[in-house]
Amino acid sequence: MKELVKNGKRIGLLALLGLCVPAFAIAATPRLAVEEVQMRVSFADLDLDRQAGVERLYQRIRAAAAGACGSLTLREVGSLKALRANQDCYRDLIEGAVLKVDNAALTKLHFG
């Protein structure tokens, strides 16, 4: 009879540990770090009254966003989650820069 109680305690303890371990595993799972990404693009040398100047600025914005946000290819990034984060970063930086410049031709180029 004593042996059954000991086994019962062991099973109870193992069951309790079995319930606690998943909770610790979930709590220990790292979250994707949220960090502010900024870029600086100079366009003092461009004439934004000309389409060529607007297109050149848009190229600079896209290049700066690509450099700030990381790779946009799954092979280089390694996971779909990281790829989506980089794509979101890229899209958000470009959109924010276009809106900040506040030039009708640049806005039309980006948004269509």
N, C-alpha and C. Protein backbone atom coordinates (compact mmCIF):
# COMPACT_ATOMS: atom_id res chain seq x y z
N MET A 1 0.81 -1.19 0.00
CA MET A 1 0.00 0.00 0.00
C MET A 1 0.86 1.25 0.00
N LYS A 2 1.95 1.23 0.79
CA LYS A 2 2.84 2.37 0.81
C LYS A 2 3.42 2.67 -0.58
N GLU A 3 3.71 1.61 -1.29
CA GLU A 3 4.30 1.75 -2.61
C GLU A 3 3.32 2.43 -3.57
N LEU A 4 2.05 2.13 -3.46
CA LEU A 4 1.06 2.75 -4.33
C LEU A 4 0.97 4.26 -4.07
N VAL A 5 1.07 4.63 -2.83
CA VAL A 5 1.03 6.05 -2.49
C VAL A 5 2.24 6.76 -3.06
N LYS A 6 3.42 6.14 -2.92
CA LYS A 6 4.62 6.75 -3.48
C LYS A 6 4.49 6.91 -4.98
N ASN A 7 4.01 5.87 -5.65
CA ASN A 7 3.83 5.96 -7.09
C ASN A 7 2.79 7.03 -7.45
N GLY A 8 1.74 7.09 -6.63
CA GLY A 8 0.73 8.10 -6.85
C GLY A 8 1.30 9.50 -6.72
N LYS A 9 2.18 9.72 -5.75
CA LYS A 9 2.82 11.02 -5.57
C LYS A 9 3.73 11.33 -6.74
N ARG A 10 4.46 10.32 -7.22
CA ARG A 10 5.35 10.53 -8.36
C ARG A 10 4.55 10.90 -9.60
N ILE A 11 3.46 10.18 -9.82
CA ILE A 11 2.63 10.48 -10.99
C ILE A 11 2.04 11.87 -10.86
N GLY A 12 1.58 12.20 -9.65
CA GLY A 12 1.04 13.54 -9.43
C GLY A 12 2.08 14.61 -9.67
N LEU A 13 3.30 14.38 -9.18
CA LEU A 13 4.37 15.34 -9.35
C LEU A 13 4.74 15.47 -10.83
N LEU A 14 4.83 14.34 -11.53
CA LEU A 14 5.14 14.37 -12.95
C LEU A 14 4.04 15.08 -13.74
N ALA A 15 2.79 14.84 -13.36
CA ALA A 15 1.68 15.51 -14.04
C ALA A 15 1.75 17.01 -13.79
N LEU A 16 2.08 17.42 -12.56
CA LEU A 16 2.22 18.83 -12.24
C LEU A 16 3.34 19.45 -13.03
N LEU A 17 4.49 18.77 -13.10
CA LEU A 17 5.61 19.27 -13.89
C LEU A 17 5.23 19.35 -15.36
N GLY A 18 4.47 18.36 -15.83
CA GLY A 18 4.04 18.35 -17.22
C GLY A 18 3.18 19.56 -17.54
N LEU A 19 2.42 20.04 -16.58
CA LEU A 19 1.60 21.22 -16.81
C LEU A 19 2.43 22.50 -16.73
N CYS A 20 3.46 22.51 -15.90
CA CYS A 20 4.27 23.72 -15.73
C CYS A 20 5.27 23.92 -16.86
N VAL A 21 5.85 22.86 -17.36
CA VAL A 21 6.88 22.99 -18.38
C VAL A 21 6.39 23.72 -19.63
N PRO A 22 5.21 23.37 -20.18
CA PRO A 22 4.77 24.13 -21.35
C PRO A 22 4.60 25.62 -21.07
N ALA A 23 4.17 25.97 -19.88
CA ALA A 23 4.02 27.37 -19.53
C ALA A 23 5.37 28.08 -19.53
N PHE A 24 6.41 27.42 -19.01
CA PHE A 24 7.74 28.02 -19.04
C PHE A 24 8.27 28.10 -20.45
N ALA A 25 7.98 27.11 -21.26
CA ALA A 25 8.46 27.11 -22.64
C ALA A 25 7.83 28.26 -23.41
N ILE A 26 6.56 28.50 -23.18
CA ILE A 26 5.89 29.60 -23.86
C ILE A 26 6.47 30.94 -23.38
N ALA A 27 6.67 31.06 -22.11
CA ALA A 27 7.20 32.32 -21.56
C ALA A 27 8.62 32.58 -22.03
N ALA A 28 9.37 31.53 -22.32
CA ALA A 28 10.75 31.69 -22.72
C ALA A 28 10.91 31.91 -24.22
N THR A 29 9.82 31.77 -24.98
CA THR A 29 9.91 31.97 -26.43
C THR A 29 10.17 33.43 -26.72
N PRO A 30 11.26 33.74 -27.43
CA PRO A 30 11.58 35.13 -27.70
C PRO A 30 10.60 35.75 -28.69
N ARG A 31 10.29 37.00 -28.48
CA ARG A 31 9.46 37.74 -29.42
C ARG A 31 10.38 38.44 -30.40
N LEU A 32 9.84 38.77 -31.57
CA LEU A 32 10.63 39.57 -32.51
C LEU A 32 10.82 40.95 -31.90
N ALA A 33 12.03 41.40 -31.91
CA ALA A 33 12.32 42.71 -31.33
C ALA A 33 11.70 43.80 -32.22
N VAL A 34 11.06 44.74 -31.59
CA VAL A 34 10.51 45.87 -32.32
C VAL A 34 11.48 47.02 -32.15
N GLU A 35 12.02 47.45 -33.25
CA GLU A 35 12.97 48.54 -33.19
C GLU A 35 12.61 49.58 -34.23
N GLU A 36 12.94 50.79 -33.94
CA GLU A 36 12.67 51.87 -34.87
C GLU A 36 13.78 51.90 -35.91
N VAL A 37 13.39 51.87 -37.16
CA VAL A 37 14.34 51.92 -38.26
C VAL A 37 14.18 53.27 -38.93
N GLN A 38 15.28 53.95 -39.10
CA GLN A 38 15.26 55.25 -39.75
C GLN A 38 16.26 55.26 -40.90
N MET A 39 16.01 56.14 -41.85
CA MET A 39 16.94 56.31 -42.95
C MET A 39 17.04 57.79 -43.27
N ARG A 40 18.15 58.16 -43.84
CA ARG A 40 18.35 59.55 -44.24
C ARG A 40 18.66 59.55 -45.73
N VAL A 41 17.89 60.35 -46.47
CA VAL A 41 18.06 60.45 -47.91
C VAL A 41 18.19 61.93 -48.26
N SER A 42 19.28 62.27 -48.90
CA SER A 42 19.49 63.66 -49.31
C SER A 42 18.94 63.85 -50.72
N PHE A 43 18.26 64.97 -50.91
CA PHE A 43 17.80 65.28 -52.26
C PHE A 43 17.94 66.76 -52.58
N ALA A 44 18.84 67.43 -51.87
CA ALA A 44 19.08 68.85 -52.10
C ALA A 44 19.62 69.09 -53.52
N ASP A 45 20.29 68.09 -54.07
CA ASP A 45 20.87 68.22 -55.40
C ASP A 45 19.88 67.91 -56.52
N LEU A 46 18.65 67.54 -56.19
CA LEU A 46 17.67 67.15 -57.20
C LEU A 46 16.64 68.24 -57.43
N ASP A 47 16.20 68.36 -58.66
CA ASP A 47 15.13 69.28 -59.02
C ASP A 47 13.83 68.50 -59.06
N LEU A 48 13.03 68.66 -58.03
CA LEU A 48 11.79 67.89 -57.93
C LEU A 48 10.66 68.46 -58.80
N ASP A 49 10.96 69.52 -59.54
CA ASP A 49 10.00 70.04 -60.52
C ASP A 49 10.14 69.29 -61.84
N ARG A 50 11.15 68.46 -61.95
CA ARG A 50 11.38 67.66 -63.16
C ARG A 50 11.15 66.18 -62.81
N GLN A 51 10.58 65.46 -63.74
CA GLN A 51 10.28 64.05 -63.51
C GLN A 51 11.54 63.24 -63.25
N ALA A 52 12.64 63.58 -63.92
CA ALA A 52 13.90 62.86 -63.72
C ALA A 52 14.38 63.00 -62.27
N GLY A 53 14.22 64.18 -61.69
CA GLY A 53 14.61 64.41 -60.30
C GLY A 53 13.74 63.61 -59.34
N VAL A 54 12.46 63.55 -59.62
CA VAL A 54 11.52 62.79 -58.79
C VAL A 54 11.85 61.29 -58.85
N GLU A 55 12.11 60.81 -60.05
CA GLU A 55 12.45 59.39 -60.21
C GLU A 55 13.76 59.04 -59.51
N ARG A 56 14.73 59.94 -59.59
CA ARG A 56 16.01 59.71 -58.92
C ARG A 56 15.82 59.68 -57.39
N LEU A 57 15.01 60.57 -56.87
CA LEU A 57 14.73 60.58 -55.43
C LEU A 57 14.04 59.28 -55.02
N TYR A 58 13.09 58.83 -55.81
CA TYR A 58 12.39 57.58 -55.50
C TYR A 58 13.36 56.40 -55.48
N GLN A 59 14.30 56.38 -56.41
CA GLN A 59 15.33 55.33 -56.41
C GLN A 59 16.17 55.40 -55.13
N ARG A 60 16.53 56.59 -54.73
CA ARG A 60 17.33 56.75 -53.50
C ARG A 60 16.55 56.27 -52.27
N ILE A 61 15.27 56.63 -52.22
CA ILE A 61 14.43 56.21 -51.09
C ILE A 61 14.35 54.69 -51.04
N ARG A 62 14.11 54.07 -52.18
CA ARG A 62 14.01 52.60 -52.22
C ARG A 62 15.32 51.94 -51.83
N ALA A 63 16.43 52.47 -52.30
CA ALA A 63 17.74 51.90 -51.96
C ALA A 63 18.03 52.05 -50.47
N ALA A 64 17.70 53.21 -49.90
CA ALA A 64 17.94 53.43 -48.48
C ALA A 64 17.06 52.51 -47.64
N ALA A 65 15.81 52.33 -48.05
CA ALA A 65 14.90 51.43 -47.31
C ALA A 65 15.40 49.99 -47.37
N ALA A 66 15.88 49.58 -48.53
CA ALA A 66 16.41 48.21 -48.66
C ALA A 66 17.62 48.02 -47.75
N GLY A 67 18.48 49.02 -47.66
CA GLY A 67 19.64 48.93 -46.78
C GLY A 67 19.27 48.94 -45.31
N ALA A 68 18.24 49.66 -44.95
CA ALA A 68 17.84 49.78 -43.55
C ALA A 68 17.05 48.57 -43.06
N CYS A 69 16.32 47.92 -43.94
CA CYS A 69 15.39 46.86 -43.52
C CYS A 69 15.93 45.45 -43.68
N GLY A 70 17.01 45.27 -44.36
CA GLY A 70 17.56 43.93 -44.53
C GLY A 70 17.08 43.29 -45.82
N SER A 71 17.49 42.08 -46.01
CA SER A 71 17.23 41.35 -47.25
C SER A 71 15.74 41.13 -47.50
N LEU A 72 15.38 41.14 -48.76
CA LEU A 72 14.00 40.90 -49.15
C LEU A 72 13.86 39.57 -49.89
N THR A 73 14.83 38.68 -49.68
CA THR A 73 14.75 37.35 -50.28
C THR A 73 14.72 36.29 -49.18
N LEU A 74 13.84 35.32 -49.36
CA LEU A 74 13.66 34.26 -48.37
C LEU A 74 14.96 33.49 -48.15
N ARG A 75 15.69 33.24 -49.20
CA ARG A 75 16.94 32.47 -49.09
C ARG A 75 17.92 33.15 -48.13
N GLU A 76 18.02 34.46 -48.21
CA GLU A 76 18.97 35.18 -47.35
C GLU A 76 18.45 35.36 -45.93
N VAL A 77 17.15 35.56 -45.80
CA VAL A 77 16.55 35.82 -44.49
C VAL A 77 16.39 34.53 -43.68
N GLY A 78 15.92 33.47 -44.33
CA GLY A 78 15.84 32.18 -43.66
C GLY A 78 14.49 31.78 -43.11
N SER A 79 13.56 32.72 -42.96
CA SER A 79 12.22 32.35 -42.49
C SER A 79 11.19 33.30 -43.07
N LEU A 80 9.97 32.79 -43.23
CA LEU A 80 8.90 33.63 -43.76
C LEU A 80 8.55 34.77 -42.81
N LYS A 81 8.64 34.51 -41.52
CA LYS A 81 8.32 35.54 -40.53
C LYS A 81 9.29 36.71 -40.64
N ALA A 82 10.57 36.41 -40.77
CA ALA A 82 11.58 37.46 -40.90
C ALA A 82 11.44 38.17 -42.24
N LEU A 83 11.12 37.43 -43.29
CA LEU A 83 10.93 38.03 -44.60
C LEU A 83 9.77 39.01 -44.58
N ARG A 84 8.66 38.60 -43.96
CA ARG A 84 7.49 39.51 -43.87
C ARG A 84 7.84 40.76 -43.06
N ALA A 85 8.60 40.59 -42.01
CA ALA A 85 9.00 41.76 -41.20
C ALA A 85 9.85 42.72 -42.03
N ASN A 86 10.78 42.18 -42.80
CA ASN A 86 11.62 43.03 -43.66
C ASN A 86 10.79 43.71 -44.74
N GLN A 87 9.85 42.98 -45.34
CA GLN A 87 8.98 43.56 -46.37
C GLN A 87 8.11 44.66 -45.79
N ASP A 88 7.57 44.44 -44.59
CA ASP A 88 6.76 45.47 -43.94
C ASP A 88 7.59 46.71 -43.65
N CYS A 89 8.80 46.50 -43.15
CA CYS A 89 9.72 47.60 -42.87
C CYS A 89 9.98 48.39 -44.13
N TYR A 90 10.31 47.70 -45.21
CA TYR A 90 10.63 48.32 -46.50
C TYR A 90 9.44 49.16 -46.99
N ARG A 91 8.26 48.56 -46.99
CA ARG A 91 7.06 49.25 -47.45
C ARG A 91 6.76 50.49 -46.59
N ASP A 92 6.86 50.32 -45.28
CA ASP A 92 6.54 51.41 -44.36
C ASP A 92 7.53 52.57 -44.47
N LEU A 93 8.81 52.24 -44.62
CA LEU A 93 9.81 53.30 -44.75
C LEU A 93 9.62 54.09 -46.04
N ILE A 94 9.36 53.40 -47.14
CA ILE A 94 9.15 54.10 -48.41
C ILE A 94 7.92 54.98 -48.33
N GLU A 95 6.84 54.42 -47.83
CA GLU A 95 5.60 55.19 -47.73
C GLU A 95 5.78 56.41 -46.82
N GLY A 96 6.44 56.22 -45.69
CA GLY A 96 6.68 57.34 -44.78
C GLY A 96 7.54 58.43 -45.41
N ALA A 97 8.57 58.02 -46.15
CA ALA A 97 9.45 59.00 -46.79
C ALA A 97 8.71 59.77 -47.87
N VAL A 98 7.91 59.07 -48.67
CA VAL A 98 7.14 59.73 -49.73
C VAL A 98 6.18 60.75 -49.13
N LEU A 99 5.51 60.37 -48.06
CA LEU A 99 4.58 61.29 -47.41
C LEU A 99 5.30 62.47 -46.77
N LYS A 100 6.49 62.22 -46.23
CA LYS A 100 7.25 63.29 -45.57
C LYS A 100 7.76 64.32 -46.59
N VAL A 101 8.19 63.86 -47.75
CA VAL A 101 8.67 64.78 -48.79
C VAL A 101 7.53 65.67 -49.27
N ASP A 102 6.32 65.11 -49.33
CA ASP A 102 5.12 65.86 -49.68
C ASP A 102 5.26 66.55 -51.04
N ASN A 103 5.60 65.77 -52.04
CA ASN A 103 5.71 66.26 -53.41
C ASN A 103 4.68 65.49 -54.25
N ALA A 104 3.84 66.21 -54.96
CA ALA A 104 2.74 65.59 -55.71
C ALA A 104 3.24 64.57 -56.73
N ALA A 105 4.31 64.89 -57.44
CA ALA A 105 4.83 63.96 -58.45
C ALA A 105 5.40 62.69 -57.80
N LEU A 106 6.07 62.83 -56.67
CA LEU A 106 6.63 61.66 -55.96
C LEU A 106 5.50 60.81 -55.39
N THR A 107 4.49 61.45 -54.84
CA THR A 107 3.33 60.75 -54.31
C THR A 107 2.63 59.96 -55.42
N LYS A 108 2.47 60.59 -56.57
CA LYS A 108 1.83 59.92 -57.71
C LYS A 108 2.69 58.76 -58.20
N LEU A 109 4.00 58.93 -58.24
CA LEU A 109 4.90 57.86 -58.67
C LEU A 109 4.77 56.64 -57.75
N HIS A 110 4.71 56.89 -56.46
CA HIS A 110 4.64 55.78 -55.50
C HIS A 110 3.26 55.14 -55.41
N PHE A 111 2.25 55.94 -55.25
CA PHE A 111 0.91 55.41 -55.02
C PHE A 111 0.13 55.14 -56.32
N GLY A 112 0.65 55.70 -57.42
CA GLY A 112 0.01 55.44 -58.72
C GLY A 112 -1.03 56.38 -59.12
